[in-house]
Amino acid sequence: GGRGGDVIFQGDENLNTLMDFKYKQHYKAARGEHGKGKNMHGANA
């Protein structure tokens, strides 16, 4: 199977408030893709 996605914070000098996180409080990354036959690996999310 593929690896699940990370939740990453990135600094942005154009922002000066945490207002966005007041309105969206849940952050869930996508699941990795399942493996397949013929030794085909699932894609990383």
ModelCIF file with pLDDT and N, C-alpha, C, O atoms, coordinates in Angstrom:
data_MODEL
#
_entry.id   MODEL 
#
_entity.id                         1 
_entity.type                       polymer 
_entity.pdbx_number_of_molecules   1 
#
_entity_poly.entity_id                      1 
_entity_poly.type                           'polypeptide(L)' 
_entity_poly.nstd_linkage                   no 
_entity_poly.nstd_monomer                   no 
_entity_poly.pdbx_seq_one_letter_code       GGRGGDVIFQGDENLNTLMDFKYKQHYKAARGEHGKGKNMHGANA 
_entity_poly.pdbx_seq_one_letter_code_can   GGRGGDVIFQGDENLNTLMDFKYKQHYKAARGEHGKGKNMHGANA 
_entity_poly.pdbx_strand_id                 A 
#
loop_
_entity_poly_seq.entity_id 
_entity_poly_seq.num 
_entity_poly_seq.mon_id 
_entity_poly_seq.hetero 
1 1  GLY n 
1 2  GLY n 
1 3  ARG n 
1 4  GLY n 
1 5  GLY n 
1 6  ASP n 
1 7  VAL n 
1 8  ILE n 
1 9  PHE n 
1 10 GLN n 
1 11 GLY n 
1 12 ASP n 
1 13 GLU n 
1 14 ASN n 
1 15 LEU n 
1 16 ASN n 
1 17 THR n 
1 18 LEU n 
1 19 MET n 
1 20 ASP n 
1 21 PHE n 
1 22 LYS n 
1 23 TYR n 
1 24 LYS n 
1 25 GLN n 
1 26 HIS n 
1 27 TYR n 
1 28 LYS n 
1 29 ALA n 
1 30 ALA n 
1 31 ARG n 
1 32 GLY n 
1 33 GLU n 
1 34 HIS n 
1 35 GLY n 
1 36 LYS n 
1 37 GLY n 
1 38 LYS n 
1 39 ASN n 
1 40 MET n 
1 41 HIS n 
1 42 GLY n 
1 43 ALA n 
1 44 ASN n 
1 45 ALA n 
#
_struct_asym.id          A 
_struct_asym.entity_id   1 
#
loop_
_ma_qa_metric.id 
_ma_qa_metric.mode 
_ma_qa_metric.name 
_ma_qa_metric.software_group_id 
_ma_qa_metric.type 
1 global pLDDT . pLDDT 
2 local  pLDDT . pLDDT 
#
_ma_qa_metric_global.metric_id      1 
_ma_qa_metric_global.metric_value   92.73 
_ma_qa_metric_global.model_id       1 
_ma_qa_metric_global.ordinal_id     1 
#
loop_
_ma_qa_metric_local.label_asym_id 
_ma_qa_metric_local.label_comp_id 
_ma_qa_metric_local.label_seq_id 
_ma_qa_metric_local.metric_id 
_ma_qa_metric_local.metric_value 
_ma_qa_metric_local.model_id 
_ma_qa_metric_local.ordinal_id 
A GLY 1  2 96.00 1 1  
A GLY 2  2 96.00 1 2  
A ARG 3  2 96.00 1 3  
A GLY 4  2 96.00 1 4  
A GLY 5  2 96.00 1 5  
A ASP 6  2 96.00 1 6  
A VAL 7  2 96.00 1 7  
A ILE 8  2 96.00 1 8  
A PHE 9  2 96.00 1 9  
A GLN 10 2 95.00 1 10 
A GLY 11 2 93.00 1 11 
A ASP 12 2 92.00 1 12 
A GLU 13 2 86.00 1 13 
A ASN 14 2 86.00 1 14 
A LEU 15 2 85.00 1 15 
A ASN 16 2 78.00 1 16 
A THR 17 2 82.00 1 17 
A LEU 18 2 88.00 1 18 
A MET 19 2 86.00 1 19 
A ASP 20 2 88.00 1 20 
A PHE 21 2 92.00 1 21 
A LYS 22 2 86.00 1 22 
A TYR 23 2 87.00 1 23 
A LYS 24 2 91.00 1 24 
A GLN 25 2 93.00 1 25 
A HIS 26 2 95.00 1 26 
A TYR 27 2 96.00 1 27 
A LYS 28 2 96.00 1 28 
A ALA 29 2 96.00 1 29 
A ALA 30 2 96.00 1 30 
A ARG 31 2 96.00 1 31 
A GLY 32 2 96.00 1 32 
A GLU 33 2 96.00 1 33 
A HIS 34 2 96.00 1 34 
A GLY 35 2 95.00 1 35 
A LYS 36 2 94.00 1 36 
A GLY 37 2 92.00 1 37 
A LYS 38 2 91.00 1 38 
A ASN 39 2 92.00 1 39 
A MET 40 2 95.00 1 40 
A HIS 41 2 95.00 1 41 
A GLY 42 2 95.00 1 42 
A ALA 43 2 96.00 1 43 
A ASN 44 2 97.00 1 44 
A ALA 45 2 96.00 1 45 
#
loop_
_atom_site.group_PDB 
_atom_site.id 
_atom_site.type_symbol 
_atom_site.label_atom_id 
_atom_site.label_alt_id 
_atom_site.label_comp_id 
_atom_site.label_asym_id 
_atom_site.label_entity_id 
_atom_site.label_seq_id 
_atom_site.pdbx_PDB_ins_code 
_atom_site.Cartn_x 
_atom_site.Cartn_y 
_atom_site.Cartn_z 
_atom_site.occupancy 
_atom_site.B_iso_or_equiv 
_atom_site.pdbx_formal_charge 
_atom_site.auth_seq_id 
_atom_site.auth_comp_id 
_atom_site.auth_asym_id 
_atom_site.auth_atom_id 
_atom_site.pdbx_PDB_model_num 
ATOM 1   N N  . GLY A 1 1  ? 0.827   -1.203 0.000   1.00 96.00 ? 1  GLY A N  1 
ATOM 2   C CA . GLY A 1 1  ? 0.000   0.000  0.000   1.00 96.00 ? 1  GLY A CA 1 
ATOM 3   C C  . GLY A 1 1  ? 0.863   1.254  0.000   1.00 96.00 ? 1  GLY A C  1 
ATOM 4   O O  . GLY A 1 1  ? 2.031   1.210  0.383   1.00 96.00 ? 1  GLY A O  1 
ATOM 5   N N  . GLY A 1 2  ? 0.288   2.368  -0.428  1.00 96.00 ? 2  GLY A N  1 
ATOM 6   C CA . GLY A 1 2  ? 1.008   3.632  -0.444  1.00 96.00 ? 2  GLY A CA 1 
ATOM 7   C C  . GLY A 1 2  ? 0.973   4.317  0.915   1.00 96.00 ? 2  GLY A C  1 
ATOM 8   O O  . GLY A 1 2  ? 0.132   4.006  1.759   1.00 96.00 ? 2  GLY A O  1 
ATOM 9   N N  . ARG A 1 3  ? 1.879   5.236  1.114   1.00 96.00 ? 3  ARG A N  1 
ATOM 10  C CA . ARG A 1 3  ? 1.957   5.968  2.385   1.00 96.00 ? 3  ARG A CA 1 
ATOM 11  C C  . ARG A 1 3  ? 0.863   7.030  2.462   1.00 96.00 ? 3  ARG A C  1 
ATOM 12  O O  . ARG A 1 3  ? 0.524   7.660  1.460   1.00 96.00 ? 3  ARG A O  1 
ATOM 13  N N  . GLY A 1 4  ? 0.317   7.221  3.659   1.00 96.00 ? 4  GLY A N  1 
ATOM 14  C CA . GLY A 1 4  ? -0.684  8.268  3.865   1.00 96.00 ? 4  GLY A CA 1 
ATOM 15  C C  . GLY A 1 4  ? -0.060  9.652  3.822   1.00 96.00 ? 4  GLY A C  1 
ATOM 16  O O  . GLY A 1 4  ? 1.143   9.805  4.036   1.00 96.00 ? 4  GLY A O  1 
ATOM 17  N N  . GLY A 1 5  ? -0.862  10.642 3.550   1.00 96.00 ? 5  GLY A N  1 
ATOM 18  C CA . GLY A 1 5  ? -0.368  12.006 3.455   1.00 96.00 ? 5  GLY A CA 1 
ATOM 19  C C  . GLY A 1 5  ? -0.061  12.612 4.820   1.00 96.00 ? 5  GLY A C  1 
ATOM 20  O O  . GLY A 1 5  ? -0.663  12.233 5.824   1.00 96.00 ? 5  GLY A O  1 
ATOM 21  N N  . ASP A 1 6  ? 0.879   13.554 4.850   1.00 96.00 ? 6  ASP A N  1 
ATOM 22  C CA . ASP A 1 6  ? 1.225   14.277 6.074   1.00 96.00 ? 6  ASP A CA 1 
ATOM 23  C C  . ASP A 1 6  ? 0.397   15.554 6.173   1.00 96.00 ? 6  ASP A C  1 
ATOM 24  O O  . ASP A 1 6  ? -0.055  16.092 5.162   1.00 96.00 ? 6  ASP A O  1 
ATOM 25  N N  . VAL A 1 7  ? 0.205   16.030 7.396   1.00 96.00 ? 7  VAL A N  1 
ATOM 26  C CA . VAL A 1 7  ? -0.335  17.373 7.628   1.00 96.00 ? 7  VAL A CA 1 
ATOM 27  C C  . VAL A 1 7  ? 0.852   18.274 7.949   1.00 96.00 ? 7  VAL A C  1 
ATOM 28  O O  . VAL A 1 7  ? 1.561   18.050 8.930   1.00 96.00 ? 7  VAL A O  1 
ATOM 29  N N  . ILE A 1 8  ? 1.065   19.288 7.123   1.00 96.00 ? 8  ILE A N  1 
ATOM 30  C CA . ILE A 1 8  ? 2.277   20.105 7.193   1.00 96.00 ? 8  ILE A CA 1 
ATOM 31  C C  . ILE A 1 8  ? 1.902   21.568 7.420   1.00 96.00 ? 8  ILE A C  1 
ATOM 32  O O  . ILE A 1 8  ? 0.965   22.079 6.806   1.00 96.00 ? 8  ILE A O  1 
ATOM 33  N N  . PHE A 1 9  ? 2.638   22.235 8.305   1.00 96.00 ? 9  PHE A N  1 
ATOM 34  C CA . PHE A 1 9  ? 2.502   23.679 8.473   1.00 96.00 ? 9  PHE A CA 1 
ATOM 35  C C  . PHE A 1 9  ? 3.631   24.370 7.723   1.00 96.00 ? 9  PHE A C  1 
ATOM 36  O O  . PHE A 1 9  ? 4.776   23.918 7.751   1.00 96.00 ? 9  PHE A O  1 
ATOM 37  N N  . GLN A 1 10 ? 3.303   25.462 7.055   1.00 95.00 ? 10 GLN A N  1 
ATOM 38  C CA . GLN A 1 10 ? 4.307   26.225 6.304   1.00 95.00 ? 10 GLN A CA 1 
ATOM 39  C C  . GLN A 1 10 ? 4.180   27.707 6.644   1.00 95.00 ? 10 GLN A C  1 
ATOM 40  O O  . GLN A 1 10 ? 3.085   28.269 6.606   1.00 95.00 ? 10 GLN A O  1 
ATOM 41  N N  . GLY A 1 11 ? 5.300   28.330 6.975   1.00 93.00 ? 11 GLY A N  1 
ATOM 42  C CA . GLY A 1 11 ? 5.301   29.749 7.307   1.00 93.00 ? 11 GLY A CA 1 
ATOM 43  C C  . GLY A 1 11 ? 5.043   30.611 6.078   1.00 93.00 ? 11 GLY A C  1 
ATOM 44  O O  . GLY A 1 11 ? 5.605   30.362 5.011   1.00 93.00 ? 11 GLY A O  1 
ATOM 45  N N  . ASP A 1 12 ? 4.196   31.622 6.227   1.00 92.00 ? 12 ASP A N  1 
ATOM 46  C CA . ASP A 1 12 ? 3.862   32.545 5.136   1.00 92.00 ? 12 ASP A CA 1 
ATOM 47  C C  . ASP A 1 12 ? 3.928   33.974 5.677   1.00 92.00 ? 12 ASP A C  1 
ATOM 48  O O  . ASP A 1 12 ? 3.132   34.361 6.533   1.00 92.00 ? 12 ASP A O  1 
ATOM 49  N N  . GLU A 1 13 ? 4.880   34.744 5.171   1.00 86.00 ? 13 GLU A N  1 
ATOM 50  C CA . GLU A 1 13 ? 5.079   36.105 5.674   1.00 86.00 ? 13 GLU A CA 1 
ATOM 51  C C  . GLU A 1 13 ? 3.937   37.043 5.300   1.00 86.00 ? 13 GLU A C  1 
ATOM 52  O O  . GLU A 1 13 ? 3.857   38.152 5.829   1.00 86.00 ? 13 GLU A O  1 
ATOM 53  N N  . ASN A 1 14 ? 3.059   36.625 4.407   1.00 86.00 ? 14 ASN A N  1 
ATOM 54  C CA . ASN A 1 14 ? 1.927   37.469 4.025   1.00 86.00 ? 14 ASN A CA 1 
ATOM 55  C C  . ASN A 1 14 ? 0.737   37.334 4.977   1.00 86.00 ? 14 ASN A C  1 
ATOM 56  O O  . ASN A 1 14 ? -0.241  38.072 4.859   1.00 86.00 ? 14 ASN A O  1 
ATOM 57  N N  . LEU A 1 15 ? 0.817   36.398 5.913   1.00 85.00 ? 15 LEU A N  1 
ATOM 58  C CA . LEU A 1 15 ? -0.255  36.210 6.887   1.00 85.00 ? 15 LEU A CA 1 
ATOM 59  C C  . LEU A 1 15 ? 0.144   36.844 8.210   1.00 85.00 ? 15 LEU A C  1 
ATOM 60  O O  . LEU A 1 15 ? 1.324   36.855 8.562   1.00 85.00 ? 15 LEU A O  1 
ATOM 61  N N  . ASN A 1 16 ? -0.818  37.366 8.937   1.00 78.00 ? 16 ASN A N  1 
ATOM 62  C CA . ASN A 1 16 ? -0.533  37.942 10.249  1.00 78.00 ? 16 ASN A CA 1 
ATOM 63  C C  . ASN A 1 16 ? -1.606  37.613 11.281  1.00 78.00 ? 16 ASN A C  1 
ATOM 64  O O  . ASN A 1 16 ? -1.712  38.292 12.303  1.00 78.00 ? 16 ASN A O  1 
ATOM 65  N N  . THR A 1 17 ? -2.399  36.582 11.023  1.00 82.00 ? 17 THR A N  1 
ATOM 66  C CA . THR A 1 17 ? -3.442  36.180 11.951  1.00 82.00 ? 17 THR A CA 1 
ATOM 67  C C  . THR A 1 17 ? -3.737  34.692 11.774  1.00 82.00 ? 17 THR A C  1 
ATOM 68  O O  . THR A 1 17 ? -3.506  34.116 10.710  1.00 82.00 ? 17 THR A O  1 
ATOM 69  N N  . LEU A 1 18 ? -4.249  34.090 12.836  1.00 88.00 ? 18 LEU A N  1 
ATOM 70  C CA . LEU A 1 18 ? -4.644  32.678 12.796  1.00 88.00 ? 18 LEU A CA 1 
ATOM 71  C C  . LEU A 1 18 ? -6.146  32.536 12.557  1.00 88.00 ? 18 LEU A C  1 
ATOM 72  O O  . LEU A 1 18 ? -6.745  31.531 12.940  1.00 88.00 ? 18 LEU A O  1 
ATOM 73  N N  . MET A 1 19 ? -6.742  33.523 11.933  1.00 86.00 ? 19 MET A N  1 
ATOM 74  C CA . MET A 1 19 ? -8.190  33.553 11.755  1.00 86.00 ? 19 MET A CA 1 
ATOM 75  C C  . MET A 1 19 ? -8.705  32.322 11.001  1.00 86.00 ? 19 MET A C  1 
ATOM 76  O O  . MET A 1 19 ? -9.769  31.800 11.335  1.00 86.00 ? 19 MET A O  1 
ATOM 77  N N  . ASP A 1 20 ? -7.970  31.854 9.994   1.00 88.00 ? 20 ASP A N  1 
ATOM 78  C CA . ASP A 1 20 ? -8.428  30.708 9.197   1.00 88.00 ? 20 ASP A CA 1 
ATOM 79  C C  . ASP A 1 20 ? -8.662  29.474 10.061  1.00 88.00 ? 20 ASP A C  1 
ATOM 80  O O  . ASP A 1 20 ? -9.540  28.662 9.769   1.00 88.00 ? 20 ASP A O  1 
ATOM 81  N N  . PHE A 1 21 ? -7.875  29.335 11.125  1.00 92.00 ? 21 PHE A N  1 
ATOM 82  C CA . PHE A 1 21 ? -7.986  28.148 11.973  1.00 92.00 ? 21 PHE A CA 1 
ATOM 83  C C  . PHE A 1 21 ? -9.136  28.257 12.968  1.00 92.00 ? 21 PHE A C  1 
ATOM 84  O O  . PHE A 1 21 ? -9.451  27.290 13.662  1.00 92.00 ? 21 PHE A O  1 
ATOM 85  N N  . LYS A 1 22 ? -9.756  29.416 13.041  1.00 86.00 ? 22 LYS A N  1 
ATOM 86  C CA . LYS A 1 22 ? -10.956 29.561 13.871  1.00 86.00 ? 22 LYS A CA 1 
ATOM 87  C C  . LYS A 1 22 ? -12.176 28.975 13.166  1.00 86.00 ? 22 LYS A C  1 
ATOM 88  O O  . LYS A 1 22 ? -13.115 28.514 13.815  1.00 86.00 ? 22 LYS A O  1 
ATOM 89  N N  . TYR A 1 23 ? -12.156 28.996 11.835  1.00 87.00 ? 23 TYR A N  1 
ATOM 90  C CA . TYR A 1 23 ? -13.305 28.544 11.060  1.00 87.00 ? 23 TYR A CA 1 
ATOM 91  C C  . TYR A 1 23 ? -13.132 27.131 10.521  1.00 87.00 ? 23 TYR A C  1 
ATOM 92  O O  . TYR A 1 23 ? -14.113 26.465 10.189  1.00 87.00 ? 23 TYR A O  1 
ATOM 93  N N  . LYS A 1 24 ? -11.893 26.675 10.432  1.00 91.00 ? 24 LYS A N  1 
ATOM 94  C CA . LYS A 1 24 ? -11.632 25.291 10.038  1.00 91.00 ? 24 LYS A CA 1 
ATOM 95  C C  . LYS A 1 24 ? -10.687 24.689 11.064  1.00 91.00 ? 24 LYS A C  1 
ATOM 96  O O  . LYS A 1 24 ? -9.515  25.057 11.137  1.00 91.00 ? 24 LYS A O  1 
ATOM 97  N N  . GLN A 1 25 ? -11.210 23.756 11.859  1.00 93.00 ? 25 GLN A N  1 
ATOM 98  C CA . GLN A 1 25 ? -10.439 23.239 12.985  1.00 93.00 ? 25 GLN A CA 1 
ATOM 99  C C  . GLN A 1 25 ? -10.009 21.785 12.814  1.00 93.00 ? 25 GLN A C  1 
ATOM 100 O O  . GLN A 1 25 ? -9.281  21.260 13.657  1.00 93.00 ? 25 GLN A O  1 
ATOM 101 N N  . HIS A 1 26 ? -10.439 21.131 11.755  1.00 95.00 ? 26 HIS A N  1 
ATOM 102 C CA . HIS A 1 26 ? -10.073 19.734 11.529  1.00 95.00 ? 26 HIS A CA 1 
ATOM 103 C C  . HIS A 1 26 ? -9.327  19.605 10.203  1.00 95.00 ? 26 HIS A C  1 
ATOM 104 O O  . HIS A 1 26 ? -9.803  20.057 9.161   1.00 95.00 ? 26 HIS A O  1 
ATOM 105 N N  . TYR A 1 27 ? -8.151  18.980 10.260  1.00 96.00 ? 27 TYR A N  1 
ATOM 106 C CA . TYR A 1 27 ? -7.324  18.794 9.071   1.00 96.00 ? 27 TYR A CA 1 
ATOM 107 C C  . TYR A 1 27 ? -6.947  17.317 8.983   1.00 96.00 ? 27 TYR A C  1 
ATOM 108 O O  . TYR A 1 27 ? -6.206  16.802 9.820   1.00 96.00 ? 27 TYR A O  1 
ATOM 109 N N  . LYS A 1 28 ? -7.467  16.644 7.958   1.00 96.00 ? 28 LYS A N  1 
ATOM 110 C CA . LYS A 1 28 ? -7.208  15.215 7.772   1.00 96.00 ? 28 LYS A CA 1 
ATOM 111 C C  . LYS A 1 28 ? -6.622  14.984 6.391   1.00 96.00 ? 28 LYS A C  1 
ATOM 112 O O  . LYS A 1 28 ? -7.206  15.377 5.382   1.00 96.00 ? 28 LYS A O  1 
ATOM 113 N N  . ALA A 1 29 ? -5.462  14.342 6.356   1.00 96.00 ? 29 ALA A N  1 
ATOM 114 C CA . ALA A 1 29 ? -4.819  14.043 5.079   1.00 96.00 ? 29 ALA A CA 1 
ATOM 115 C C  . ALA A 1 29 ? -5.421  12.780 4.475   1.00 96.00 ? 29 ALA A C  1 
ATOM 116 O O  . ALA A 1 29 ? -6.064  11.994 5.171   1.00 96.00 ? 29 ALA A O  1 
ATOM 117 N N  . ALA A 1 30 ? -5.209  12.594 3.185   1.00 96.00 ? 30 ALA A N  1 
ATOM 118 C CA . ALA A 1 30 ? -5.798  11.459 2.463   1.00 96.00 ? 30 ALA A CA 1 
ATOM 119 C C  . ALA A 1 30 ? -5.056  10.161 2.778   1.00 96.00 ? 30 ALA A C  1 
ATOM 120 O O  . ALA A 1 30 ? -3.898  10.163 3.196   1.00 96.00 ? 30 ALA A O  1 
ATOM 121 N N  . ARG A 1 31 ? -5.757  9.069  2.564   1.00 96.00 ? 31 ARG A N  1 
ATOM 122 C CA . ARG A 1 31 ? -5.183  7.746  2.775   1.00 96.00 ? 31 ARG A CA 1 
ATOM 123 C C  . ARG A 1 31 ? -4.374  7.327  1.562   1.00 96.00 ? 31 ARG A C  1 
ATOM 124 O O  . ARG A 1 31 ? -4.679  7.717  0.435   1.00 96.00 ? 31 ARG A O  1 
ATOM 125 N N  . GLY A 1 32 ? -3.332  6.524  1.800   1.00 96.00 ? 32 GLY A N  1 
ATOM 126 C CA . GLY A 1 32 ? -2.550  5.981  0.702   1.00 96.00 ? 32 GLY A CA 1 
ATOM 127 C C  . GLY A 1 32 ? -3.371  4.978  -0.094  1.00 96.00 ? 32 GLY A C  1 
ATOM 128 O O  . GLY A 1 32 ? -4.310  4.374  0.424   1.00 96.00 ? 32 GLY A O  1 
ATOM 129 N N  . GLU A 1 33 ? -3.007  4.810  -1.352  1.00 96.00 ? 33 GLU A N  1 
ATOM 130 C CA . GLU A 1 33 ? -3.739  3.878  -2.211  1.00 96.00 ? 33 GLU A CA 1 
ATOM 131 C C  . GLU A 1 33 ? -3.386  2.438  -1.841  1.00 96.00 ? 33 GLU A C  1 
ATOM 132 O O  . GLU A 1 33 ? -2.250  2.152  -1.462  1.00 96.00 ? 33 GLU A O  1 
ATOM 133 N N  . HIS A 1 34 ? -4.354  1.536  -1.949  1.00 96.00 ? 34 HIS A N  1 
ATOM 134 C CA . HIS A 1 34 ? -4.104  0.129  -1.646  1.00 96.00 ? 34 HIS A CA 1 
ATOM 135 C C  . HIS A 1 34 ? -3.224  -0.498 -2.726  1.00 96.00 ? 34 HIS A C  1 
ATOM 136 O O  . HIS A 1 34 ? -3.190  -0.049 -3.872  1.00 96.00 ? 34 HIS A O  1 
ATOM 137 N N  . GLY A 1 35 ? -2.509  -1.558 -2.317  1.00 95.00 ? 35 GLY A N  1 
ATOM 138 C CA . GLY A 1 35 ? -1.681  -2.260 -3.285  1.00 95.00 ? 35 GLY A CA 1 
ATOM 139 C C  . GLY A 1 35 ? -2.531  -3.012 -4.304  1.00 95.00 ? 35 GLY A C  1 
ATOM 140 O O  . GLY A 1 35 ? -3.740  -3.172 -4.134  1.00 95.00 ? 35 GLY A O  1 
ATOM 141 N N  . LYS A 1 36 ? -1.877  -3.464 -5.358  1.00 94.00 ? 36 LYS A N  1 
ATOM 142 C CA . LYS A 1 36 ? -2.576  -4.188 -6.422  1.00 94.00 ? 36 LYS A CA 1 
ATOM 143 C C  . LYS A 1 36 ? -1.810  -5.475 -6.745  1.00 94.00 ? 36 LYS A C  1 
ATOM 144 O O  . LYS A 1 36 ? -0.696  -5.693 -6.269  1.00 94.00 ? 36 LYS A O  1 
ATOM 145 N N  . GLY A 1 37 ? -2.432  -6.309 -7.559  1.00 92.00 ? 37 GLY A N  1 
ATOM 146 C CA . GLY A 1 37 ? -1.768  -7.529 -8.004  1.00 92.00 ? 37 GLY A CA 1 
ATOM 147 C C  . GLY A 1 37 ? -0.594  -7.205 -8.920  1.00 92.00 ? 37 GLY A C  1 
ATOM 148 O O  . GLY A 1 37 ? -0.353  -6.048 -9.266  1.00 92.00 ? 37 GLY A O  1 
ATOM 149 N N  . LYS A 1 38 ? 0.120   -8.241 -9.299  1.00 91.00 ? 38 LYS A N  1 
ATOM 150 C CA . LYS A 1 38 ? 1.297   -8.118 -10.169 1.00 91.00 ? 38 LYS A CA 1 
ATOM 151 C C  . LYS A 1 38 ? 2.366   -7.221 -9.530  1.00 91.00 ? 38 LYS A C  1 
ATOM 152 O O  . LYS A 1 38 ? 3.113   -6.524 -10.217 1.00 91.00 ? 38 LYS A O  1 
ATOM 153 N N  . ASN A 1 39 ? 2.413   -7.262 -8.181  1.00 92.00 ? 39 ASN A N  1 
ATOM 154 C CA . ASN A 1 39 ? 3.422   -6.495 -7.427  1.00 92.00 ? 39 ASN A CA 1 
ATOM 155 C C  . ASN A 1 39 ? 3.363   -4.987 -7.699  1.00 92.00 ? 39 ASN A C  1 
ATOM 156 O O  . ASN A 1 39 ? 4.382   -4.297 -7.660  1.00 92.00 ? 39 ASN A O  1 
ATOM 157 N N  . MET A 1 40 ? 2.179   -4.502 -7.967  1.00 95.00 ? 40 MET A N  1 
ATOM 158 C CA . MET A 1 40 ? 2.026   -3.059 -8.176  1.00 95.00 ? 40 MET A CA 1 
ATOM 159 C C  . MET A 1 40 ? 1.682   -2.389 -6.847  1.00 95.00 ? 40 MET A C  1 
ATOM 160 O O  . MET A 1 40 ? 0.700   -2.737 -6.191  1.00 95.00 ? 40 MET A O  1 
ATOM 161 N N  . HIS A 1 41 ? 2.506   -1.432 -6.474  1.00 95.00 ? 41 HIS A N  1 
ATOM 162 C CA . HIS A 1 41 ? 2.333   -0.736 -5.206  1.00 95.00 ? 41 HIS A CA 1 
ATOM 163 C C  . HIS A 1 41 ? 1.321   0.404  -5.358  1.00 95.00 ? 41 HIS A C  1 
ATOM 164 O O  . HIS A 1 41 ? 1.197   1.011  -6.422  1.00 95.00 ? 41 HIS A O  1 
ATOM 165 N N  . GLY A 1 42 ? 0.604   0.674  -4.270  1.00 95.00 ? 42 GLY A N  1 
ATOM 166 C CA . GLY A 1 42 ? -0.321  1.794  -4.269  1.00 95.00 ? 42 GLY A CA 1 
ATOM 167 C C  . GLY A 1 42 ? 0.419   3.122  -4.224  1.00 95.00 ? 42 GLY A C  1 
ATOM 168 O O  . GLY A 1 42 ? 1.537   3.199  -3.714  1.00 95.00 ? 42 GLY A O  1 
ATOM 169 N N  . ALA A 1 43 ? -0.201  4.157  -4.753  1.00 96.00 ? 43 ALA A N  1 
ATOM 170 C CA . ALA A 1 43 ? 0.431   5.478  -4.776  1.00 96.00 ? 43 ALA A CA 1 
ATOM 171 C C  . ALA A 1 43 ? 0.396   6.115  -3.389  1.00 96.00 ? 43 ALA A C  1 
ATOM 172 O O  . ALA A 1 43 ? -0.541  5.906  -2.618  1.00 96.00 ? 43 ALA A O  1 
ATOM 173 N N  . ASN A 1 44 ? 1.431   6.893  -3.088  1.00 97.00 ? 44 ASN A N  1 
ATOM 174 C CA . ASN A 1 44 ? 1.443   7.676  -1.847  1.00 97.00 ? 44 ASN A CA 1 
ATOM 175 C C  . ASN A 1 44 ? 0.432   8.812  -1.947  1.00 97.00 ? 44 ASN A C  1 
ATOM 176 O O  . ASN A 1 44 ? 0.247   9.389  -3.019  1.00 97.00 ? 44 ASN A O  1 
ATOM 177 N N  . ALA A 1 45 ? -0.218  9.131  -0.842  1.00 96.00 ? 45 ALA A N  1 
ATOM 178 C CA . ALA A 1 45 ? -1.199  10.215 -0.833  1.00 96.00 ? 45 ALA A CA 1 
ATOM 179 C C  . ALA A 1 45 ? -0.493  11.557 -0.694  1.00 96.00 ? 45 ALA A C  1 
ATOM 180 O O  . ALA A 1 45 ? -1.148  12.599 -0.666  1.00 96.00 ? 45 ALA A O  1 
#
